[in-house]
Amino acid sequence: MSRFKSNSRYVKYSSVYMTTNSKGQKVQALTPAEIPEQRILGEHLIKQGQRLDHLSNHYLNDPAGFWLIAKANDGMTVESVTIRKQIKIPVK
């Protein structure tokens, strides 16, 4: 099983369980990260070329926290969020 950083969404909001793969071997698996609803700090007007990792570093002090912004905007992918003109920014 991979190791995650202590601030990872998988450490915080997932759990490990045992299952059997198609070869009949016992393997560890990870549940999807069930992230609770977030409070919104405000909104940000996207400028051309801005990326979520830069915005998450600026607002959340965590460049790897881009998924928090995507989640706050109901985005399944980074691209689905950055094509918008205005995005919600969650509280740290």
N, C-alpha and C. Protein backbone atom coordinates (compact mmCIF):
# COMPACT_ATOMS: atom_id res chain seq x y z
N MET A 1 0.86 -1.17 0.00
CA MET A 1 0.00 0.00 0.00
C MET A 1 0.90 1.23 0.00
N SER A 2 0.52 2.22 -0.76
CA SER A 2 1.27 3.48 -0.83
C SER A 2 1.20 4.21 0.50
N ARG A 3 2.18 5.04 0.70
CA ARG A 3 2.20 5.90 1.89
C ARG A 3 1.75 7.29 1.47
N PHE A 4 0.96 7.91 2.31
CA PHE A 4 0.46 9.24 2.03
C PHE A 4 1.00 10.22 3.06
N LYS A 5 1.13 11.47 2.66
CA LYS A 5 1.54 12.51 3.61
C LYS A 5 0.45 12.65 4.67
N SER A 6 0.83 13.14 5.83
CA SER A 6 -0.11 13.24 6.95
C SER A 6 -1.29 14.16 6.66
N ASN A 7 -1.14 15.13 5.74
CA ASN A 7 -2.24 16.04 5.42
C ASN A 7 -3.03 15.58 4.19
N SER A 8 -2.79 14.37 3.73
CA SER A 8 -3.48 13.84 2.56
C SER A 8 -4.96 13.61 2.84
N ARG A 9 -5.79 13.84 1.82
CA ARG A 9 -7.23 13.56 1.96
C ARG A 9 -7.48 12.09 2.22
N TYR A 10 -6.58 11.22 1.76
CA TYR A 10 -6.77 9.78 1.96
C TYR A 10 -6.47 9.38 3.39
N VAL A 11 -5.53 10.06 4.04
CA VAL A 11 -5.24 9.80 5.46
C VAL A 11 -6.39 10.29 6.32
N LYS A 12 -6.90 11.48 5.97
CA LYS A 12 -7.94 12.11 6.78
C LYS A 12 -9.34 11.50 6.57
N TYR A 13 -9.68 11.14 5.34
CA TYR A 13 -11.07 10.83 5.02
C TYR A 13 -11.31 9.45 4.39
N SER A 14 -10.30 8.59 4.40
CA SER A 14 -10.45 7.24 3.84
C SER A 14 -10.05 6.21 4.88
N SER A 15 -10.32 4.96 4.56
CA SER A 15 -9.84 3.89 5.43
C SER A 15 -9.38 2.72 4.56
N VAL A 16 -8.48 1.93 5.12
CA VAL A 16 -7.92 0.78 4.42
C VAL A 16 -8.74 -0.45 4.81
N TYR A 17 -8.99 -1.31 3.83
CA TYR A 17 -9.67 -2.57 4.11
C TYR A 17 -9.04 -3.68 3.27
N MET A 18 -9.30 -4.91 3.64
CA MET A 18 -8.77 -6.07 2.92
C MET A 18 -9.85 -6.59 1.97
N THR A 19 -9.41 -7.01 0.79
CA THR A 19 -10.31 -7.59 -0.20
C THR A 19 -9.55 -8.65 -0.97
N THR A 20 -10.21 -9.34 -1.86
CA THR A 20 -9.59 -10.37 -2.68
C THR A 20 -9.59 -9.91 -4.13
N ASN A 21 -8.42 -9.96 -4.79
CA ASN A 21 -8.35 -9.53 -6.17
C ASN A 21 -8.78 -10.66 -7.11
N SER A 22 -8.72 -10.41 -8.41
CA SER A 22 -9.20 -11.39 -9.40
C SER A 22 -8.36 -12.66 -9.44
N LYS A 23 -7.15 -12.64 -8.86
CA LYS A 23 -6.29 -13.83 -8.79
C LYS A 23 -6.49 -14.60 -7.50
N GLY A 24 -7.41 -14.13 -6.67
CA GLY A 24 -7.68 -14.80 -5.40
C GLY A 24 -6.73 -14.40 -4.29
N GLN A 25 -5.93 -13.38 -4.50
CA GLN A 25 -4.98 -12.92 -3.49
C GLN A 25 -5.63 -11.88 -2.58
N LYS A 26 -5.27 -11.92 -1.30
CA LYS A 26 -5.73 -10.90 -0.36
C LYS A 26 -4.89 -9.64 -0.59
N VAL A 27 -5.57 -8.52 -0.76
CA VAL A 27 -4.89 -7.24 -0.99
C VAL A 27 -5.55 -6.15 -0.16
N GLN A 28 -4.78 -5.10 0.10
CA GLN A 28 -5.33 -3.94 0.79
C GLN A 28 -5.91 -2.99 -0.25
N ALA A 29 -7.01 -2.37 0.11
CA ALA A 29 -7.65 -1.38 -0.75
C ALA A 29 -8.01 -0.17 0.10
N LEU A 30 -8.35 0.91 -0.57
CA LEU A 30 -8.64 2.16 0.10
C LEU A 30 -10.02 2.64 -0.30
N THR A 31 -10.82 3.03 0.68
CA THR A 31 -12.14 3.58 0.37
C THR A 31 -11.98 4.96 -0.26
N PRO A 32 -12.96 5.42 -1.02
CA PRO A 32 -12.87 6.78 -1.56
C PRO A 32 -12.84 7.79 -0.41
N ALA A 33 -12.19 8.91 -0.65
CA ALA A 33 -12.13 9.97 0.36
C ALA A 33 -13.48 10.66 0.43
N GLU A 34 -14.15 10.52 1.57
CA GLU A 34 -15.45 11.17 1.79
C GLU A 34 -15.19 12.48 2.53
N ILE A 35 -15.10 13.55 1.76
CA ILE A 35 -14.73 14.85 2.30
C ILE A 35 -15.97 15.58 2.79
N PRO A 36 -15.97 16.05 4.04
CA PRO A 36 -17.13 16.77 4.56
C PRO A 36 -17.33 18.11 3.84
N GLU A 37 -18.53 18.66 3.98
CA GLU A 37 -18.81 19.97 3.38
C GLU A 37 -17.84 21.01 3.92
N GLN A 38 -17.46 21.92 3.06
CA GLN A 38 -16.49 22.94 3.41
C GLN A 38 -17.15 24.30 3.56
N ARG A 39 -16.63 25.09 4.49
CA ARG A 39 -17.05 26.49 4.58
C ARG A 39 -16.31 27.26 3.50
N ILE A 40 -16.95 28.27 2.95
CA ILE A 40 -16.37 29.03 1.86
C ILE A 40 -15.82 30.37 2.38
N LEU A 41 -14.56 30.63 2.05
CA LEU A 41 -13.90 31.87 2.42
C LEU A 41 -14.39 33.01 1.53
N GLY A 42 -14.52 32.74 0.25
CA GLY A 42 -14.95 33.76 -0.71
C GLY A 42 -14.81 33.21 -2.11
N GLU A 43 -14.80 34.11 -3.07
CA GLU A 43 -14.67 33.71 -4.47
C GLU A 43 -13.46 34.39 -5.09
N HIS A 44 -12.92 33.75 -6.11
CA HIS A 44 -11.74 34.24 -6.81
C HIS A 44 -12.05 34.33 -8.29
N LEU A 45 -11.72 35.45 -8.90
CA LEU A 45 -11.87 35.60 -10.35
C LEU A 45 -10.63 35.02 -11.02
N ILE A 46 -10.83 34.00 -11.83
CA ILE A 46 -9.72 33.33 -12.51
C ILE A 46 -9.16 34.21 -13.62
N LYS A 47 -7.84 34.36 -13.62
CA LYS A 47 -7.15 35.06 -14.69
C LYS A 47 -6.50 34.01 -15.59
N GLN A 48 -6.28 34.35 -16.83
CA GLN A 48 -5.69 33.41 -17.77
C GLN A 48 -4.36 32.89 -17.24
N GLY A 49 -4.20 31.59 -17.29
CA GLY A 49 -2.95 30.96 -16.87
C GLY A 49 -2.88 30.59 -15.40
N GLN A 50 -3.86 30.99 -14.59
CA GLN A 50 -3.82 30.63 -13.17
C GLN A 50 -4.13 29.15 -13.00
N ARG A 51 -3.41 28.53 -12.08
CA ARG A 51 -3.59 27.10 -11.82
C ARG A 51 -4.06 26.91 -10.38
N LEU A 52 -4.78 25.80 -10.17
CA LEU A 52 -5.32 25.53 -8.83
C LEU A 52 -4.23 25.30 -7.79
N ASP A 53 -3.10 24.70 -8.19
CA ASP A 53 -2.05 24.50 -7.19
C ASP A 53 -1.47 25.83 -6.72
N HIS A 54 -1.40 26.81 -7.62
CA HIS A 54 -0.93 28.14 -7.21
C HIS A 54 -1.95 28.82 -6.30
N LEU A 55 -3.22 28.69 -6.66
CA LEU A 55 -4.27 29.30 -5.83
C LEU A 55 -4.35 28.64 -4.47
N SER A 56 -4.21 27.31 -4.43
CA SER A 56 -4.27 26.63 -3.13
C SER A 56 -3.05 26.97 -2.28
N ASN A 57 -1.92 27.21 -2.91
CA ASN A 57 -0.75 27.64 -2.16
C ASN A 57 -0.98 29.04 -1.59
N HIS A 58 -1.58 29.92 -2.38
CA HIS A 58 -1.84 31.29 -1.94
C HIS A 58 -2.89 31.34 -0.82
N TYR A 59 -4.03 30.69 -1.03
CA TYR A 59 -5.14 30.79 -0.07
C TYR A 59 -5.06 29.79 1.08
N LEU A 60 -4.53 28.60 0.80
CA LEU A 60 -4.55 27.53 1.81
C LEU A 60 -3.17 27.20 2.36
N ASN A 61 -2.13 27.86 1.83
CA ASN A 61 -0.74 27.57 2.21
C ASN A 61 -0.36 26.11 1.96
N ASP A 62 -0.95 25.53 0.92
CA ASP A 62 -0.69 24.12 0.58
C ASP A 62 -0.88 23.92 -0.92
N PRO A 63 0.21 23.86 -1.70
CA PRO A 63 0.05 23.68 -3.14
C PRO A 63 -0.60 22.35 -3.50
N ALA A 64 -0.50 21.37 -2.62
CA ALA A 64 -1.13 20.07 -2.88
C ALA A 64 -2.60 20.06 -2.48
N GLY A 65 -3.10 21.18 -1.99
CA GLY A 65 -4.51 21.27 -1.56
C GLY A 65 -5.46 21.70 -2.66
N PHE A 66 -5.02 21.62 -3.90
CA PHE A 66 -5.87 22.02 -5.03
C PHE A 66 -7.17 21.25 -5.06
N TRP A 67 -7.16 20.02 -4.56
CA TRP A 67 -8.37 19.18 -4.55
C TRP A 67 -9.44 19.78 -3.64
N LEU A 68 -9.04 20.56 -2.61
CA LEU A 68 -10.02 21.21 -1.75
C LEU A 68 -10.81 22.27 -2.53
N ILE A 69 -10.10 23.00 -3.39
CA ILE A 69 -10.77 24.00 -4.23
C ILE A 69 -11.67 23.30 -5.25
N ALA A 70 -11.17 22.22 -5.84
CA ALA A 70 -11.99 21.47 -6.80
C ALA A 70 -13.26 20.95 -6.12
N LYS A 71 -13.12 20.41 -4.92
CA LYS A 71 -14.27 19.89 -4.18
C LYS A 71 -15.26 21.01 -3.85
N ALA A 72 -14.78 22.16 -3.44
CA ALA A 72 -15.65 23.28 -3.09
C ALA A 72 -16.45 23.77 -4.30
N ASN A 73 -15.95 23.46 -5.50
CA ASN A 73 -16.61 23.89 -6.73
C ASN A 73 -17.28 22.73 -7.46
N ASP A 74 -17.48 21.62 -6.77
CA ASP A 74 -18.10 20.42 -7.35
C ASP A 74 -17.40 19.98 -8.62
N GLY A 75 -16.09 20.13 -8.66
CA GLY A 75 -15.32 19.74 -9.84
C GLY A 75 -14.76 18.34 -9.71
N MET A 76 -14.94 17.56 -10.75
CA MET A 76 -14.38 16.20 -10.76
C MET A 76 -12.91 16.24 -11.20
N THR A 77 -12.55 17.24 -11.99
CA THR A 77 -11.17 17.37 -12.46
C THR A 77 -10.74 18.82 -12.28
N VAL A 78 -9.44 19.03 -12.29
CA VAL A 78 -8.89 20.39 -12.19
C VAL A 78 -9.38 21.23 -13.36
N GLU A 79 -9.38 20.64 -14.55
CA GLU A 79 -9.79 21.36 -15.76
C GLU A 79 -11.24 21.83 -15.67
N SER A 80 -12.11 21.03 -15.06
CA SER A 80 -13.52 21.42 -14.97
C SER A 80 -13.72 22.63 -14.07
N VAL A 81 -12.76 22.91 -13.21
CA VAL A 81 -12.85 24.06 -12.32
C VAL A 81 -12.19 25.29 -12.96
N THR A 82 -11.03 25.10 -13.56
CA THR A 82 -10.27 26.25 -14.07
C THR A 82 -10.86 26.85 -15.34
N ILE A 83 -11.81 26.19 -15.98
CA ILE A 83 -12.45 26.80 -17.16
C ILE A 83 -13.50 27.83 -16.74
N ARG A 84 -13.82 27.87 -15.46
CA ARG A 84 -14.79 28.84 -14.95
C ARG A 84 -14.15 30.20 -14.80
N LYS A 85 -14.97 31.23 -14.76
CA LYS A 85 -14.46 32.59 -14.58
C LYS A 85 -14.31 32.94 -13.11
N GLN A 86 -15.12 32.30 -12.27
CA GLN A 86 -15.12 32.61 -10.84
C GLN A 86 -15.24 31.29 -10.09
N ILE A 87 -14.39 31.11 -9.08
CA ILE A 87 -14.43 29.88 -8.30
C ILE A 87 -14.52 30.19 -6.81
N LYS A 88 -15.10 29.25 -6.09
CA LYS A 88 -15.20 29.37 -4.63
C LYS A 88 -13.88 28.91 -4.01
N ILE A 89 -13.48 29.61 -2.96
CA ILE A 89 -12.28 29.26 -2.23
C ILE A 89 -12.69 28.82 -0.82
N PRO A 90 -12.32 27.60 -0.42
CA PRO A 90 -12.70 27.12 0.92
C PRO A 90 -11.81 27.73 2.01
N VAL A 91 -12.30 27.70 3.22
CA VAL A 91 -11.53 28.10 4.39
C VAL A 91 -10.46 27.04 4.62
N LYS A 92 -9.30 27.46 5.13
CA LYS A 92 -8.21 26.51 5.45
C LYS A 92 -8.71 25.42 6.35
